[in-house]
Amino acid sequence: MAEVEIGGATIKGSKLLFVIPLLGTLAGGLWGGFEFYKDYMDMKEAIVEYTAPDMSGFDKRIAIMESRMNEEIDLFKEEMNVLKDEVKLISGVNRDMKIDMKQDVRRIEKIVEDTEQRVKEDSREFEKELKRMEKELDVKVRKALTNPLSAIAK
């Protein structure tokens, strides 16, 4: 059988089957540890050397955009105020026109009522005058018929 002597200890046959994977595991663990340590040191160096990017260009652009937006908002507010004033003006004119129209309608209604009243009075007077004239004519016709000198009587 095969024997291996390590540090004064002799390892025989089947025990080698346990030692070889153990040595491989230890070697792999050490290699992984060294790689991790190397990555850690590289990352540490990158972090120490890191400088933040210059964002002043973005800040300037943002400030310009804010300024433009504020100008646009101010213009919009001014336009809204102008529209609001125009709506108030139109509303006032509309109210005044409505009042004037009501007054005109009342005036026209009064004129119509007065005209109707005069027409009724004139109709009554006309009827009275017509009846008076009818009576007068009737009286004249009777006189004419009763007149002995008239040739119509016989």
N, C-alpha and C. Protein backbone atom coordinates (compact mmCIF):
# COMPACT_ATOMS: atom_id res chain seq x y z
N MET A 1 0.84 -1.18 0.00
CA MET A 1 0.00 0.00 0.00
C MET A 1 0.88 1.23 0.00
N ALA A 2 0.23 2.31 -0.45
CA ALA A 2 0.99 3.55 -0.54
C ALA A 2 0.97 4.25 0.80
N GLU A 3 2.11 4.81 1.12
CA GLU A 3 2.24 5.54 2.36
C GLU A 3 2.82 6.90 2.06
N VAL A 4 2.37 7.89 2.80
CA VAL A 4 2.91 9.25 2.67
C VAL A 4 3.26 9.71 4.06
N GLU A 5 4.46 10.28 4.16
CA GLU A 5 4.89 10.74 5.47
C GLU A 5 4.88 12.26 5.44
N ILE A 6 4.13 12.85 6.39
CA ILE A 6 4.03 14.31 6.45
C ILE A 6 4.30 14.69 7.89
N GLY A 7 5.36 15.45 8.12
CA GLY A 7 5.72 15.94 9.45
C GLY A 7 5.87 14.83 10.47
N GLY A 8 6.39 13.71 10.11
CA GLY A 8 6.62 12.62 11.05
C GLY A 8 5.43 11.71 11.18
N ALA A 9 4.30 12.04 10.52
CA ALA A 9 3.12 11.18 10.59
C ALA A 9 3.04 10.42 9.28
N THR A 10 2.73 9.19 9.39
CA THR A 10 2.62 8.35 8.21
C THR A 10 1.15 8.14 7.92
N ILE A 11 0.76 8.43 6.66
CA ILE A 11 -0.64 8.27 6.26
C ILE A 11 -0.67 7.15 5.24
N LYS A 12 -1.53 6.19 5.47
CA LYS A 12 -1.58 5.02 4.62
C LYS A 12 -2.83 5.04 3.77
N GLY A 13 -2.85 4.38 2.63
CA GLY A 13 -3.89 4.10 1.66
C GLY A 13 -5.19 4.88 1.73
N SER A 14 -6.17 4.33 2.44
CA SER A 14 -7.53 4.89 2.41
C SER A 14 -7.62 6.24 3.08
N LYS A 15 -6.70 6.52 4.00
CA LYS A 15 -6.71 7.81 4.67
C LYS A 15 -6.30 8.90 3.69
N LEU A 16 -5.51 8.53 2.67
CA LEU A 16 -5.13 9.50 1.65
C LEU A 16 -6.36 10.02 0.90
N LEU A 17 -7.36 9.15 0.78
CA LEU A 17 -8.59 9.58 0.09
C LEU A 17 -9.29 10.71 0.85
N PHE A 18 -9.07 10.81 2.17
CA PHE A 18 -9.64 11.91 2.95
C PHE A 18 -8.72 13.13 2.93
N VAL A 19 -7.46 12.92 2.90
CA VAL A 19 -6.48 14.01 2.99
C VAL A 19 -6.45 14.81 1.69
N ILE A 20 -6.50 14.16 0.55
CA ILE A 20 -6.40 14.86 -0.74
C ILE A 20 -7.57 15.85 -0.91
N PRO A 21 -8.83 15.48 -0.72
CA PRO A 21 -9.91 16.48 -0.84
C PRO A 21 -9.79 17.56 0.21
N LEU A 22 -9.30 17.21 1.41
CA LEU A 22 -9.16 18.20 2.46
C LEU A 22 -8.12 19.23 2.06
N LEU A 23 -7.01 18.76 1.50
CA LEU A 23 -5.97 19.69 1.04
C LEU A 23 -6.50 20.56 -0.10
N GLY A 24 -7.29 19.99 -0.98
CA GLY A 24 -7.89 20.77 -2.10
C GLY A 24 -8.85 21.82 -1.58
N THR A 25 -9.61 21.45 -0.57
CA THR A 25 -10.56 22.40 0.01
C THR A 25 -9.83 23.53 0.69
N LEU A 26 -8.78 23.20 1.45
CA LEU A 26 -7.99 24.23 2.12
C LEU A 26 -7.32 25.16 1.11
N ALA A 27 -6.76 24.58 0.06
CA ALA A 27 -6.11 25.40 -0.96
C ALA A 27 -7.12 26.30 -1.65
N GLY A 28 -8.29 25.76 -1.97
CA GLY A 28 -9.34 26.58 -2.63
C GLY A 28 -9.84 27.68 -1.71
N GLY A 29 -9.98 27.36 -0.41
CA GLY A 29 -10.42 28.37 0.56
C GLY A 29 -9.42 29.49 0.68
N LEU A 30 -8.12 29.12 0.74
CA LEU A 30 -7.08 30.14 0.81
C LEU A 30 -7.07 31.00 -0.45
N TRP A 31 -7.19 30.36 -1.60
CA TRP A 31 -7.21 31.12 -2.86
C TRP A 31 -8.40 32.07 -2.90
N GLY A 32 -9.61 31.59 -2.51
CA GLY A 32 -10.81 32.45 -2.48
C GLY A 32 -10.64 33.60 -1.52
N GLY A 33 -10.02 33.34 -0.34
CA GLY A 33 -9.77 34.39 0.64
C GLY A 33 -8.85 35.46 0.09
N PHE A 34 -7.79 35.03 -0.58
CA PHE A 34 -6.86 36.00 -1.16
C PHE A 34 -7.53 36.83 -2.25
N GLU A 35 -8.33 36.21 -3.08
CA GLU A 35 -9.05 36.93 -4.15
C GLU A 35 -10.04 37.94 -3.54
N PHE A 36 -10.73 37.51 -2.49
CA PHE A 36 -11.68 38.41 -1.82
C PHE A 36 -10.94 39.60 -1.24
N TYR A 37 -9.78 39.33 -0.58
CA TYR A 37 -8.99 40.39 0.01
C TYR A 37 -8.49 41.35 -1.07
N LYS A 38 -8.05 40.80 -2.21
CA LYS A 38 -7.57 41.64 -3.31
C LYS A 38 -8.70 42.51 -3.84
N ASP A 39 -9.89 41.95 -4.04
CA ASP A 39 -11.05 42.74 -4.51
C ASP A 39 -11.41 43.82 -3.48
N TYR A 40 -11.34 43.46 -2.22
CA TYR A 40 -11.65 44.41 -1.15
C TYR A 40 -10.67 45.59 -1.20
N MET A 41 -9.39 45.30 -1.35
CA MET A 41 -8.38 46.35 -1.40
C MET A 41 -8.56 47.23 -2.64
N ASP A 42 -8.88 46.60 -3.79
CA ASP A 42 -9.13 47.39 -5.02
C ASP A 42 -10.34 48.31 -4.82
N MET A 43 -11.39 47.79 -4.19
CA MET A 43 -12.61 48.58 -3.95
C MET A 43 -12.31 49.72 -2.98
N LYS A 44 -11.51 49.42 -1.95
CA LYS A 44 -11.15 50.44 -0.98
C LYS A 44 -10.39 51.56 -1.65
N GLU A 45 -9.45 51.20 -2.52
CA GLU A 45 -8.67 52.19 -3.25
C GLU A 45 -9.57 53.03 -4.16
N ALA A 46 -10.52 52.36 -4.84
CA ALA A 46 -11.45 53.08 -5.72
C ALA A 46 -12.32 54.05 -4.92
N ILE A 47 -12.73 53.62 -3.73
CA ILE A 47 -13.57 54.48 -2.88
C ILE A 47 -12.76 55.67 -2.40
N VAL A 48 -11.53 55.45 -2.01
CA VAL A 48 -10.68 56.54 -1.52
C VAL A 48 -10.42 57.53 -2.64
N GLU A 49 -10.20 57.05 -3.85
CA GLU A 49 -9.87 57.91 -4.98
C GLU A 49 -11.12 58.52 -5.64
N TYR A 50 -12.31 58.12 -5.23
CA TYR A 50 -13.55 58.59 -5.85
C TYR A 50 -13.73 60.10 -5.64
N THR A 51 -14.06 60.77 -6.71
CA THR A 51 -14.43 62.19 -6.63
C THR A 51 -15.81 62.32 -7.28
N ALA A 52 -16.65 63.06 -6.63
CA ALA A 52 -18.02 63.23 -7.13
C ALA A 52 -17.99 63.99 -8.45
N PRO A 53 -18.84 63.62 -9.39
CA PRO A 53 -18.85 64.33 -10.68
C PRO A 53 -19.35 65.76 -10.49
N ASP A 54 -18.91 66.62 -11.38
CA ASP A 54 -19.29 68.04 -11.33
C ASP A 54 -20.72 68.18 -11.83
N MET A 55 -21.63 68.49 -10.93
CA MET A 55 -23.06 68.63 -11.27
C MET A 55 -23.46 70.08 -11.45
N SER A 56 -22.48 70.98 -11.45
CA SER A 56 -22.83 72.40 -11.54
C SER A 56 -23.52 72.72 -12.87
N GLY A 57 -23.17 72.00 -13.92
CA GLY A 57 -23.84 72.20 -15.21
C GLY A 57 -25.32 71.89 -15.10
N PHE A 58 -25.64 70.78 -14.40
CA PHE A 58 -27.05 70.43 -14.21
C PHE A 58 -27.76 71.47 -13.35
N ASP A 59 -27.05 71.92 -12.31
CA ASP A 59 -27.65 72.93 -11.44
C ASP A 59 -27.96 74.20 -12.22
N LYS A 60 -27.03 74.59 -13.10
CA LYS A 60 -27.26 75.78 -13.93
C LYS A 60 -28.46 75.57 -14.85
N ARG A 61 -28.53 74.40 -15.47
CA ARG A 61 -29.65 74.11 -16.37
C ARG A 61 -30.98 74.12 -15.60
N ILE A 62 -30.96 73.53 -14.42
CA ILE A 62 -32.17 73.50 -13.60
C ILE A 62 -32.58 74.92 -13.22
N ALA A 63 -31.60 75.75 -12.86
CA ALA A 63 -31.90 77.14 -12.50
C ALA A 63 -32.49 77.89 -13.70
N ILE A 64 -31.93 77.66 -14.89
CA ILE A 64 -32.45 78.31 -16.10
C ILE A 64 -33.87 77.84 -16.37
N MET A 65 -34.11 76.54 -16.24
CA MET A 65 -35.45 75.99 -16.47
C MET A 65 -36.45 76.55 -15.46
N GLU A 66 -36.02 76.64 -14.20
CA GLU A 66 -36.90 77.21 -13.17
C GLU A 66 -37.23 78.66 -13.50
N SER A 67 -36.22 79.40 -13.95
CA SER A 67 -36.44 80.80 -14.30
C SER A 67 -37.43 80.91 -15.45
N ARG A 68 -37.25 80.10 -16.47
CA ARG A 68 -38.17 80.12 -17.62
C ARG A 68 -39.58 79.72 -17.20
N MET A 69 -39.66 78.68 -16.35
CA MET A 69 -40.98 78.24 -15.89
C MET A 69 -41.65 79.33 -15.08
N ASN A 70 -40.89 80.01 -14.22
CA ASN A 70 -41.46 81.10 -13.43
C ASN A 70 -41.94 82.24 -14.33
N GLU A 71 -41.17 82.54 -15.39
CA GLU A 71 -41.60 83.57 -16.35
C GLU A 71 -42.90 83.15 -17.02
N GLU A 72 -42.97 81.88 -17.45
CA GLU A 72 -44.17 81.39 -18.10
C GLU A 72 -45.37 81.42 -17.15
N ILE A 73 -45.13 81.04 -15.91
CA ILE A 73 -46.21 81.06 -14.91
C ILE A 73 -46.68 82.49 -14.69
N ASP A 74 -45.74 83.44 -14.60
CA ASP A 74 -46.11 84.85 -14.43
C ASP A 74 -46.93 85.35 -15.61
N LEU A 75 -46.50 84.99 -16.83
CA LEU A 75 -47.26 85.39 -18.03
C LEU A 75 -48.66 84.78 -18.01
N PHE A 76 -48.72 83.52 -17.61
CA PHE A 76 -50.01 82.84 -17.54
C PHE A 76 -50.92 83.52 -16.52
N LYS A 77 -50.35 83.88 -15.37
CA LYS A 77 -51.13 84.57 -14.34
C LYS A 77 -51.65 85.91 -14.86
N GLU A 78 -50.78 86.64 -15.56
CA GLU A 78 -51.19 87.93 -16.12
C GLU A 78 -52.34 87.74 -17.12
N GLU A 79 -52.21 86.74 -17.99
CA GLU A 79 -53.27 86.48 -18.96
C GLU A 79 -54.56 86.09 -18.26
N MET A 80 -54.45 85.29 -17.21
CA MET A 80 -55.65 84.90 -16.45
C MET A 80 -56.30 86.11 -15.80
N ASN A 81 -55.48 87.03 -15.27
CA ASN A 81 -56.02 88.24 -14.67
C ASN A 81 -56.72 89.11 -15.72
N VAL A 82 -56.12 89.21 -16.92
CA VAL A 82 -56.75 89.97 -17.99
C VAL A 82 -58.08 89.34 -18.38
N LEU A 83 -58.08 88.01 -18.52
CA LEU A 83 -59.33 87.31 -18.85
C LEU A 83 -60.36 87.49 -17.75
N LYS A 84 -59.93 87.43 -16.50
CA LYS A 84 -60.84 87.61 -15.37
C LYS A 84 -61.46 89.00 -15.42
N ASP A 85 -60.62 90.02 -15.70
CA ASP A 85 -61.14 91.39 -15.79
C ASP A 85 -62.12 91.53 -16.95
N GLU A 86 -61.81 90.88 -18.07
CA GLU A 86 -62.72 90.94 -19.23
C GLU A 86 -64.05 90.26 -18.92
N VAL A 87 -63.98 89.14 -18.21
CA VAL A 87 -65.22 88.45 -17.83
C VAL A 87 -66.05 89.34 -16.91
N LYS A 88 -65.38 90.01 -15.96
CA LYS A 88 -66.10 90.92 -15.06
C LYS A 88 -66.75 92.05 -15.86
N LEU A 89 -65.99 92.60 -16.82
CA LEU A 89 -66.51 93.69 -17.65
C LEU A 89 -67.72 93.22 -18.45
N ILE A 90 -67.58 92.07 -19.09
CA ILE A 90 -68.68 91.53 -19.90
C ILE A 90 -69.88 91.23 -19.01
N SER A 91 -69.61 90.71 -17.83
CA SER A 91 -70.69 90.41 -16.90
C SER A 91 -71.42 91.69 -16.51
N GLY A 92 -70.66 92.76 -16.24
CA GLY A 92 -71.27 94.05 -15.91
C GLY A 92 -72.09 94.60 -17.05
N VAL A 93 -71.54 94.52 -18.28
CA VAL A 93 -72.27 95.00 -19.45
C VAL A 93 -73.54 94.18 -19.64
N ASN A 94 -73.43 92.89 -19.46
CA ASN A 94 -74.58 92.00 -19.60
C ASN A 94 -75.66 92.36 -18.58
N ARG A 95 -75.24 92.60 -17.33
CA ARG A 95 -76.18 92.97 -16.28
C ARG A 95 -76.87 94.30 -16.62
N ASP A 96 -76.06 95.27 -17.09
CA ASP A 96 -76.63 96.58 -17.46
C ASP A 96 -77.62 96.43 -18.61
N MET A 97 -77.26 95.61 -19.61
CA MET A 97 -78.16 95.39 -20.75
C MET A 97 -79.45 94.73 -20.28
N LYS A 98 -79.33 93.80 -19.36
CA LYS A 98 -80.51 93.11 -18.84
C LYS A 98 -81.43 94.10 -18.12
N ILE A 99 -80.83 94.98 -17.31
CA ILE A 99 -81.62 96.00 -16.61
C ILE A 99 -82.28 96.94 -17.61
N ASP A 100 -81.50 97.38 -18.62
CA ASP A 100 -82.05 98.28 -19.65
C ASP A 100 -83.19 97.61 -20.41
N MET A 101 -83.01 96.31 -20.72
CA MET A 101 -84.07 95.60 -21.45
C MET A 101 -85.32 95.49 -20.59
N LYS A 102 -85.17 95.24 -19.30
CA LYS A 102 -86.33 95.17 -18.42
C LYS A 102 -87.04 96.51 -18.39
N GLN A 103 -86.28 97.60 -18.31
CA GLN A 103 -86.87 98.93 -18.29
C GLN A 103 -87.59 99.20 -19.61
N ASP A 104 -86.96 98.81 -20.73
CA ASP A 104 -87.59 99.00 -22.04
C ASP A 104 -88.88 98.21 -22.14
N VAL A 105 -88.86 96.96 -21.65
CA VAL A 105 -90.07 96.13 -21.70
C VAL A 105 -91.17 96.76 -20.86
N ARG A 106 -90.82 97.26 -19.68
CA ARG A 106 -91.83 97.91 -18.83
C ARG A 106 -92.40 99.14 -19.51
N ARG A 107 -91.52 99.93 -20.16
CA ARG A 107 -91.97 101.13 -20.89
C ARG A 107 -92.92 100.75 -22.03
N ILE A 108 -92.53 99.70 -22.77
CA ILE A 108 -93.37 99.26 -23.89
C ILE A 108 -94.70 98.73 -23.37
N GLU A 109 -94.67 97.98 -22.27
CA GLU A 109 -95.92 97.48 -21.68
C GLU A 109 -96.83 98.63 -21.28
N LYS A 110 -96.25 99.70 -20.70
CA LYS A 110 -97.04 100.86 -20.30
C LYS A 110 -97.64 101.54 -21.52
N ILE A 111 -96.82 101.67 -22.57
CA ILE A 111 -97.32 102.30 -23.81
C ILE A 111 -98.46 101.47 -24.38
N VAL A 112 -98.29 100.15 -24.40
CA VAL A 112 -99.34 99.27 -24.94
C VAL A 112 -100.60 99.38 -24.09
N GLU A 113 -100.45 99.39 -22.77
CA GLU A 113 -101.61 99.52 -21.90
C GLU A 113 -102.32 100.85 -22.12
N ASP A 114 -101.54 101.94 -22.23
CA ASP A 114 -102.12 103.26 -22.49
C ASP A 114 -102.84 103.28 -23.83
N THR A 115 -102.21 102.67 -24.83
CA THR A 115 -102.82 102.63 -26.17
C THR A 115 -104.12 101.83 -26.12
N GLU A 116 -104.09 100.68 -25.47
CA GLU A 116 -105.31 99.88 -25.34
C GLU A 116 -106.41 100.67 -24.64
N GLN A 117 -106.04 101.38 -23.58
CA GLN A 117 -107.00 102.19 -22.84
C GLN A 117 -107.60 103.28 -23.74
N ARG A 118 -106.75 103.96 -24.52
CA ARG A 118 -107.24 105.01 -25.42
C ARG A 118 -108.14 104.42 -26.50
N VAL A 119 -107.74 103.24 -27.03
CA VAL A 119 -108.57 102.61 -28.07
C VAL A 119 -109.94 102.25 -27.49
N LYS A 120 -109.97 101.72 -26.27
CA LYS A 120 -111.24 101.39 -25.64
C LYS A 120 -112.08 102.64 -25.43
N GLU A 121 -111.43 103.71 -24.92
CA GLU A 121 -112.16 104.96 -24.70
C GLU A 121 -112.68 105.53 -26.03
N ASP A 122 -111.80 105.50 -27.05
CA ASP A 122 -112.21 106.02 -28.36
C ASP A 122 -113.36 105.18 -28.93
N SER A 123 -113.30 103.84 -28.73
CA SER A 123 -114.38 102.97 -29.21
C SER A 123 -115.69 103.32 -28.51
N ARG A 124 -115.62 103.51 -27.21
CA ARG A 124 -116.83 103.87 -26.47
C ARG A 124 -117.38 105.22 -26.94
N GLU A 125 -116.48 106.19 -27.10
CA GLU A 125 -116.92 107.50 -27.57
C GLU A 125 -117.51 107.40 -28.98
N PHE A 126 -116.84 106.57 -29.82
CA PHE A 126 -117.34 106.41 -31.19
C PHE A 126 -118.73 105.79 -31.18
N GLU A 127 -118.91 104.76 -30.35
CA GLU A 127 -120.23 104.13 -30.24
C GLU A 127 -121.27 105.12 -29.74
N LYS A 128 -120.90 105.90 -28.72
CA LYS A 128 -121.83 106.91 -28.21
C LYS A 128 -122.17 107.92 -29.30
N GLU A 129 -121.14 108.36 -30.01
CA GLU A 129 -121.36 109.35 -31.08
C GLU A 129 -122.20 108.73 -32.19
N LEU A 130 -121.95 107.49 -32.51
CA LEU A 130 -122.72 106.80 -33.55
C LEU A 130 -124.18 106.67 -33.13
N LYS A 131 -124.40 106.30 -31.87
CA LYS A 131 -125.77 106.19 -31.37
C LYS A 131 -126.45 107.56 -31.38
N ARG A 132 -125.71 108.59 -30.96
CA ARG A 132 -126.25 109.94 -30.98
C ARG A 132 -126.63 110.37 -32.39
N MET A 133 -125.72 110.07 -33.32
CA MET A 133 -125.99 110.45 -34.72
C MET A 133 -127.17 109.66 -35.27
N GLU A 134 -127.25 108.40 -34.86
CA GLU A 134 -128.36 107.55 -35.30
C GLU A 134 -129.69 108.11 -34.80
N LYS A 135 -129.70 108.51 -33.52
CA LYS A 135 -130.91 109.09 -32.96
C LYS A 135 -131.26 110.39 -33.66
N GLU A 136 -130.24 111.20 -33.88
CA GLU A 136 -130.44 112.48 -34.55
C GLU A 136 -130.99 112.26 -35.96
N LEU A 137 -130.41 111.29 -36.65
CA LEU A 137 -130.88 110.98 -38.01
C LEU A 137 -132.30 110.45 -37.97
N ASP A 138 -132.56 109.60 -36.98
CA ASP A 138 -133.90 109.05 -36.82
C ASP A 138 -134.92 110.19 -36.60
N VAL A 139 -134.52 111.14 -35.76
CA VAL A 139 -135.40 112.28 -35.49
C VAL A 139 -135.61 113.09 -36.77
N LYS A 140 -134.61 113.32 -37.53
CA LYS A 140 -134.72 114.10 -38.77
C LYS A 140 -135.56 113.37 -39.79
N VAL A 141 -135.36 112.04 -39.86
CA VAL A 141 -136.16 111.26 -40.82
C VAL A 141 -137.62 111.32 -40.42
N ARG A 142 -137.93 111.22 -39.16
CA ARG A 142 -139.33 111.28 -38.70
C ARG A 142 -139.93 112.65 -38.99
N LYS A 143 -139.13 113.69 -38.75
CA LYS A 143 -139.63 115.03 -39.05
C LYS A 143 -139.94 115.16 -40.53
N ALA A 144 -138.98 114.60 -41.30
CA ALA A 144 -139.18 114.72 -42.74
C ALA A 144 -140.40 113.94 -43.17
N LEU A 145 -140.63 112.81 -42.60
CA LEU A 145 -141.78 111.99 -42.97
C LEU A 145 -143.09 112.60 -42.45
N THR A 146 -143.05 113.24 -41.34
CA THR A 146 -144.26 113.83 -40.78
C THR A 146 -144.51 115.23 -41.31
N ASN A 147 -143.66 115.79 -42.04
CA ASN A 147 -143.83 117.14 -42.61
C ASN A 147 -144.89 117.08 -43.71
N PRO A 148 -145.91 117.92 -43.58
CA PRO A 148 -146.98 117.91 -44.57
C PRO A 148 -146.49 118.39 -45.94
N LEU A 149 -145.46 119.14 -45.97
CA LEU A 149 -145.00 119.68 -47.22
C LEU A 149 -144.16 118.65 -48.00
N SER A 150 -143.87 117.60 -47.34
CA SER A 150 -143.02 116.60 -47.98
C SER A 150 -143.88 115.70 -48.84
N ALA A 151 -143.40 115.36 -49.99
CA ALA A 151 -144.14 114.53 -50.91
C ALA A 151 -143.91 113.05 -50.58
N ILE A 152 -143.05 112.79 -49.71
CA ILE A 152 -142.73 111.40 -49.36
C ILE A 152 -143.78 110.81 -48.46
N ALA A 153 -144.46 111.62 -47.72
CA ALA A 153 -145.40 111.14 -46.74
C ALA A 153 -146.51 110.34 -47.37
N LYS A 154 -146.93 110.65 -48.59
CA LYS A 154 -148.08 109.98 -49.19
C LYS A 154 -147.68 109.06 -50.24
